[in-house]
Amino acid sequence: MEYMGTKEAAEKWGYTPSTITKWCRDGIIKDAEHDDKGSPWRIPINTECPRKIKQKRK
């Protein structure tokens, strides 16, 4: 299975990496996983955004 990190998910969905990290930590992104405290989050590449995708500002 292919994964993306919080930075890639943030760019894809239009949120900040810190928001994506919080969602992972709070269980909002159901399939996200990580090994230990401080390790990067792994989000399956096909995971859909749990919130409305923000449109990029021009």
PDB file of N, CA and C in Angstrom:
ATOM      1  N   MET A   1       0.848  -1.178   0.000  1.00  0.00           N
ATOM      2  CA  MET A   1       0.000   0.000   0.000  1.00  0.00           C
ATOM      3  C   MET A   1       0.896   1.245   0.000  1.00  0.00           C
ATOM      4  N   GLU A   2       0.494   2.231  -0.755  1.00  0.00           N
ATOM      5  CA  GLU A   2       1.250   3.482  -0.810  1.00  0.00           C
ATOM      6  C   GLU A   2       0.703   4.464   0.222  1.00  0.00           C
ATOM      7  N   TYR A   3       1.614   5.252   0.770  1.00  0.00           N
ATOM      8  CA  TYR A   3       1.242   6.212   1.807  1.00  0.00           C
ATOM      9  C   TYR A   3       1.691   7.614   1.438  1.00  0.00           C
ATOM     10  N   MET A   4       1.043   8.601   2.058  1.00  0.00           N
ATOM     11  CA  MET A   4       1.488   9.990   1.970  1.00  0.00           C
ATOM     12  C   MET A   4       1.674  10.480   3.402  1.00  0.00           C
ATOM     13  N   GLY A   5       2.497  11.506   3.541  1.00  0.00           N
ATOM     14  CA  GLY A   5       2.712  12.096   4.851  1.00  0.00           C
ATOM     15  C   GLY A   5       1.739  13.238   5.099  1.00  0.00           C
ATOM     16  N   THR A   6       1.877  13.867   6.241  1.00  0.00           N
ATOM     17  CA  THR A   6       0.976  14.968   6.587  1.00  0.00           C
ATOM     18  C   THR A   6       1.155  16.163   5.656  1.00  0.00           C
ATOM     19  N   LYS A   7       2.383  16.391   5.206  1.00  0.00           N
ATOM     20  CA  LYS A   7       2.623  17.519   4.298  1.00  0.00           C
ATOM     21  C   LYS A   7       1.922  17.291   2.957  1.00  0.00           C
ATOM     22  N   GLU A   8       2.047  16.089   2.417  1.00  0.00           N
ATOM     23  CA  GLU A   8       1.397  15.774   1.141  1.00  0.00           C
ATOM     24  C   GLU A   8      -0.128  15.836   1.261  1.00  0.00           C
ATOM     25  N   ALA A   9      -0.666  15.313   2.359  1.00  0.00           N
ATOM     26  CA  ALA A   9      -2.116  15.362   2.580  1.00  0.00           C
ATOM     27  C   ALA A   9      -2.588  16.804   2.713  1.00  0.00           C
ATOM     28  N   ALA A  10      -1.803  17.632   3.393  1.00  0.00           N
ATOM     29  CA  ALA A  10      -2.158  19.044   3.566  1.00  0.00           C
ATOM     30  C   ALA A  10      -2.221  19.751   2.218  1.00  0.00           C
ATOM     31  N   GLU A  11      -1.242  19.498   1.361  1.00  0.00           N
ATOM     32  CA  GLU A  11      -1.233  20.118   0.034  1.00  0.00           C
ATOM     33  C   GLU A  11      -2.401  19.614  -0.815  1.00  0.00           C
ATOM     34  N   LYS A  12      -2.689  18.337  -0.731  1.00  0.00           N
ATOM     35  CA  LYS A  12      -3.758  17.723  -1.519  1.00  0.00           C
ATOM     36  C   LYS A  12      -5.138  18.237  -1.092  1.00  0.00           C
ATOM     37  N   TRP A  13      -5.331  18.422   0.221  1.00  0.00           N
ATOM     38  CA  TRP A  13      -6.645  18.765   0.761  1.00  0.00           C
ATOM     39  C   TRP A  13      -6.827  20.243   1.091  1.00  0.00           C
ATOM     40  N   GLY A  14      -5.735  21.027   1.074  1.00  0.00           N
ATOM     41  CA  GLY A  14      -5.855  22.463   1.319  1.00  0.00           C
ATOM     42  C   GLY A  14      -5.863  22.875   2.782  1.00  0.00           C
ATOM     43  N   TYR A  15      -5.306  22.048   3.643  1.00  0.00           N
ATOM     44  CA  TYR A  15      -5.195  22.362   5.070  1.00  0.00           C
ATOM     45  C   TYR A  15      -3.722  22.427   5.447  1.00  0.00           C
ATOM     46  N   THR A  16      -3.427  22.865   6.663  1.00  0.00           N
ATOM     47  CA  THR A  16      -2.038  22.928   7.111  1.00  0.00           C
ATOM     48  C   THR A  16      -1.588  21.552   7.601  1.00  0.00           C
ATOM     49  N   PRO A  17      -0.275  21.292   7.548  1.00  0.00           N
ATOM     50  CA  PRO A  17       0.226  20.022   8.080  1.00  0.00           C
ATOM     51  C   PRO A  17      -0.139  19.816   9.553  1.00  0.00           C
ATOM     52  N   SER A  18      -0.175  20.891  10.334  1.00  0.00           N
ATOM     53  CA  SER A  18      -0.524  20.742  11.754  1.00  0.00           C
ATOM     54  C   SER A  18      -1.978  20.300  11.933  1.00  0.00           C
ATOM     55  N   THR A  19      -2.866  20.763  11.051  1.00  0.00           N
ATOM     56  CA  THR A  19      -4.264  20.321  11.105  1.00  0.00           C
ATOM     57  C   THR A  19      -4.356  18.837  10.779  1.00  0.00           C
ATOM     58  N   ILE A  20      -3.630  18.399   9.759  1.00  0.00           N
ATOM     59  CA  ILE A  20      -3.647  16.985   9.374  1.00  0.00           C
ATOM     60  C   ILE A  20      -3.096  16.133  10.517  1.00  0.00           C
ATOM     61  N   THR A  21      -2.020  16.577  11.147  1.00  0.00           N
ATOM     62  CA  THR A  21      -1.446  15.858  12.286  1.00  0.00           C
ATOM     63  C   THR A  21      -2.454  15.736  13.417  1.00  0.00           C
ATOM     64  N   LYS A  22      -3.155  16.821  13.709  1.00  0.00           N
ATOM     65  CA  LYS A  22      -4.171  16.800  14.769  1.00  0.00           C
ATOM     66  C   LYS A  22      -5.279  15.816  14.424  1.00  0.00           C
ATOM     67  N   TRP A  23      -5.734  15.822  13.177  1.00  0.00           N
ATOM     68  CA  TRP A  23      -6.772  14.880  12.752  1.00  0.00           C
ATOM     69  C   TRP A  23      -6.303  13.435  12.915  1.00  0.00           C
ATOM     70  N   CYS A  24      -5.038  13.180  12.576  1.00  0.00           N
ATOM     71  CA  CYS A  24      -4.489  11.828  12.742  1.00  0.00           C
ATOM     72  C   CYS A  24      -4.485  11.444  14.220  1.00  0.00           C
ATOM     73  N   ARG A  25      -3.973  12.331  15.039  1.00  0.00           N
ATOM     74  CA  ARG A  25      -3.866  12.089  16.475  1.00  0.00           C
ATOM     75  C   ARG A  25      -5.240  11.868  17.116  1.00  0.00           C
ATOM     76  N   ASP A  26      -6.241  12.629  16.661  1.00  0.00           N
ATOM     77  CA  ASP A  26      -7.594  12.551  17.225  1.00  0.00           C
ATOM     78  C   ASP A  26      -8.447  11.437  16.615  1.00  0.00           C
ATOM     79  N   GLY A  27      -7.889  10.712  15.633  1.00  0.00           N
ATOM     80  CA  GLY A  27      -8.619   9.603  15.023  1.00  0.00           C
ATOM     81  C   GLY A  27      -9.624  10.017  13.963  1.00  0.00           C
ATOM     82  N   ILE A  28      -9.563  11.274  13.518  1.00  0.00           N
ATOM     83  CA  ILE A  28     -10.482  11.753  12.481  1.00  0.00           C
ATOM     84  C   ILE A  28     -10.126  11.131  11.133  1.00  0.00           C
ATOM     85  N   ILE A  29      -8.826  10.984  10.880  1.00  0.00           N
ATOM     86  CA  ILE A  29      -8.372  10.254   9.691  1.00  0.00           C
ATOM     87  C   ILE A  29      -8.190   8.808  10.150  1.00  0.00           C
ATOM     88  N   LYS A  30      -9.173   7.983   9.852  1.00  0.00           N
ATOM     89  CA  LYS A  30      -9.281   6.630  10.418  1.00  0.00           C
ATOM     90  C   LYS A  30      -8.119   5.699  10.073  1.00  0.00           C
ATOM     91  N   ASP A  31      -7.614   5.748   8.867  1.00  0.00           N
ATOM     92  CA  ASP A  31      -6.589   4.795   8.435  1.00  0.00           C
ATOM     93  C   ASP A  31      -5.163   5.270   8.670  1.00  0.00           C
ATOM     94  N   ALA A  32      -4.989   6.432   9.281  1.00  0.00           N
ATOM     95  CA  ALA A  32      -3.644   6.951   9.532  1.00  0.00           C
ATOM     96  C   ALA A  32      -2.965   6.119  10.620  1.00  0.00           C
ATOM     97  N   GLU A  33      -1.664   5.944  10.475  1.00  0.00           N
ATOM     98  CA  GLU A  33      -0.914   5.165  11.457  1.00  0.00           C
ATOM     99  C   GLU A  33       0.483   5.738  11.635  1.00  0.00           C
ATOM    100  N   HIS A  34       1.061   5.444  12.792  1.00  0.00           N
ATOM    101  CA  HIS A  34       2.468   5.761  13.033  1.00  0.00           C
ATOM    102  C   HIS A  34       3.002   4.814  14.086  1.00  0.00           C
ATOM    103  N   ASP A  35       4.317   4.661  14.148  1.00  0.00           N
ATOM    104  CA  ASP A  35       4.930   3.663  15.019  1.00  0.00           C
ATOM    105  C   ASP A  35       5.034   4.125  16.470  1.00  0.00           C
ATOM    106  N   ASP A  36       5.716   5.221  16.685  1.00  0.00           N
ATOM    107  CA  ASP A  36       5.971   5.715  18.033  1.00  0.00           C
ATOM    108  C   ASP A  36       5.736   7.210  18.086  1.00  0.00           C
ATOM    109  N   LYS A  37       5.647   7.721  19.306  1.00  0.00           N
ATOM    110  CA  LYS A  37       5.522   9.165  19.473  1.00  0.00           C
ATOM    111  C   LYS A  37       6.710   9.832  18.784  1.00  0.00           C
ATOM    112  N   GLY A  38       6.410  10.807  17.951  1.00  0.00           N
ATOM    113  CA  GLY A  38       7.463  11.512  17.227  1.00  0.00           C
ATOM    114  C   GLY A  38       7.726  10.963  15.835  1.00  0.00           C
ATOM    115  N   SER A  39       7.215   9.770  15.549  1.00  0.00           N
ATOM    116  CA  SER A  39       7.411   9.239  14.200  1.00  0.00           C
ATOM    117  C   SER A  39       6.380   9.861  13.261  1.00  0.00           C
ATOM    118  N   PRO A  40       6.695   9.924  11.974  1.00  0.00           N
ATOM    119  CA  PRO A  40       5.759  10.551  11.028  1.00  0.00           C
ATOM    120  C   PRO A  40       4.492   9.716  10.842  1.00  0.00           C
ATOM    121  N   TRP A  41       3.408  10.410  10.582  1.00  0.00           N
ATOM    122  CA  TRP A  41       2.139   9.747  10.287  1.00  0.00           C
ATOM    123  C   TRP A  41       2.154   9.242   8.853  1.00  0.00           C
ATOM    124  N   ARG A  42       1.560   8.078   8.634  1.00  0.00           N
ATOM    125  CA  ARG A  42       1.398   7.499   7.302  1.00  0.00           C
ATOM    126  C   ARG A  42      -0.098   7.424   7.014  1.00  0.00           C
ATOM    127  N   ILE A  43      -0.492   8.064   5.924  1.00  0.00           N
ATOM    128  CA  ILE A  43      -1.895   8.110   5.520  1.00  0.00           C
ATOM    129  C   ILE A  43      -1.994   7.418   4.163  1.00  0.00           C
ATOM    130  N   PRO A  44      -2.831   6.392   4.042  1.00  0.00           N
ATOM    131  CA  PRO A  44      -2.969   5.731   2.741  1.00  0.00           C
ATOM    132  C   PRO A  44      -3.293   6.751   1.644  1.00  0.00           C
ATOM    133  N   ILE A  45      -2.639   6.626   0.516  1.00  0.00           N
ATOM    134  CA  ILE A  45      -2.724   7.590  -0.580  1.00  0.00           C
ATOM    135  C   ILE A  45      -4.155   7.767  -1.092  1.00  0.00           C
ATOM    136  N   ASN A  46      -4.990   6.735  -0.959  1.00  0.00           N
ATOM    137  CA  ASN A  46      -6.359   6.817  -1.469  1.00  0.00           C
ATOM    138  C   ASN A  46      -7.375   7.293  -0.421  1.00  0.00           C
ATOM    139  N   THR A  47      -6.906   7.700   0.754  1.00  0.00           N
ATOM    140  CA  THR A  47      -7.800   8.192   1.806  1.00  0.00           C
ATOM    141  C   THR A  47      -8.450   9.497   1.371  1.00  0.00           C
ATOM    142  N   GLU A  48      -9.747   9.589   1.600  1.00  0.00           N
ATOM    143  CA  GLU A  48     -10.462  10.822   1.278  1.00  0.00           C
ATOM    144  C   GLU A  48     -10.382  11.779   2.458  1.00  0.00           C
ATOM    145  N   CYS A  49     -10.405  13.056   2.151  1.00  0.00           N
ATOM    146  CA  CYS A  49     -10.359  14.087   3.181  1.00  0.00           C
ATOM    147  C   CYS A  49     -11.597  13.959   4.070  1.00  0.00           C
ATOM    148  N   PRO A  50     -11.413  13.965   5.403  1.00  0.00           N
ATOM    149  CA  PRO A  50     -12.559  13.817   6.298  1.00  0.00           C
ATOM    150  C   PRO A  50     -13.415  15.077   6.413  1.00  0.00           C
ATOM    151  N   ARG A  51     -12.947  16.168   5.890  1.00  0.00           N
ATOM    152  CA  ARG A  51     -13.674  17.432   5.898  1.00  0.00           C
ATOM    153  C   ARG A  51     -13.815  17.914   4.459  1.00  0.00           C
ATOM    154  N   LYS A  52     -14.548  18.982   4.273  1.00  0.00           N
ATOM    155  CA  LYS A  52     -14.685  19.576   2.947  1.00  0.00           C
ATOM    156  C   LYS A  52     -13.309  20.038   2.469  1.00  0.00           C
ATOM    157  N   ILE A  53     -12.956  19.677   1.245  1.00  0.00           N
ATOM    158  CA  ILE A  53     -11.668  20.091   0.691  1.00  0.00           C
ATOM    159  C   ILE A  53     -11.718  21.582   0.407  1.00  0.00           C
ATOM    160  N   LYS A  54     -10.727  22.279   0.941  1.00  0.00           N
ATOM    161  CA  LYS A  54     -10.671  23.724   0.734  1.00  0.00           C
ATOM    162  C   LYS A  54     -10.166  24.027  -0.666  1.00  0.00           C
ATOM    163  N   GLN A  55     -10.750  25.027  -1.282  1.00  0.00           N
ATOM    164  CA  GLN A  55     -10.290  25.480  -2.591  1.00  0.00           C
ATOM    165  C   GLN A  55      -9.068  26.368  -2.392  1.00  0.00           C
ATOM    166  N   LYS A  56      -8.090  26.212  -3.257  1.00  0.00           N
ATOM    167  CA  LYS A  56      -6.899  27.054  -3.174  1.00  0.00           C
ATOM    168  C   LYS A  56      -7.248  28.473  -3.571  1.00  0.00           C
ATOM    169  N   ARG A  57      -6.730  29.401  -2.797  1.00  0.00           N
ATOM    170  CA  ARG A  57      -6.963  30.811  -3.110  1.00  0.00           C
ATOM    171  C   ARG A  57      -6.064  31.242  -4.248  1.00  0.00           C
ATOM    172  N   LYS A  58      -6.578  32.147  -5.071  1.00  0.00           N
ATOM    173  CA  LYS A  58      -5.785  32.632  -6.209  1.00  0.00           C
ATOM    174  C   LYS A  58      -5.042  33.879  -5.841  1.00  0.00           C
TER     175      LYS A  58
END
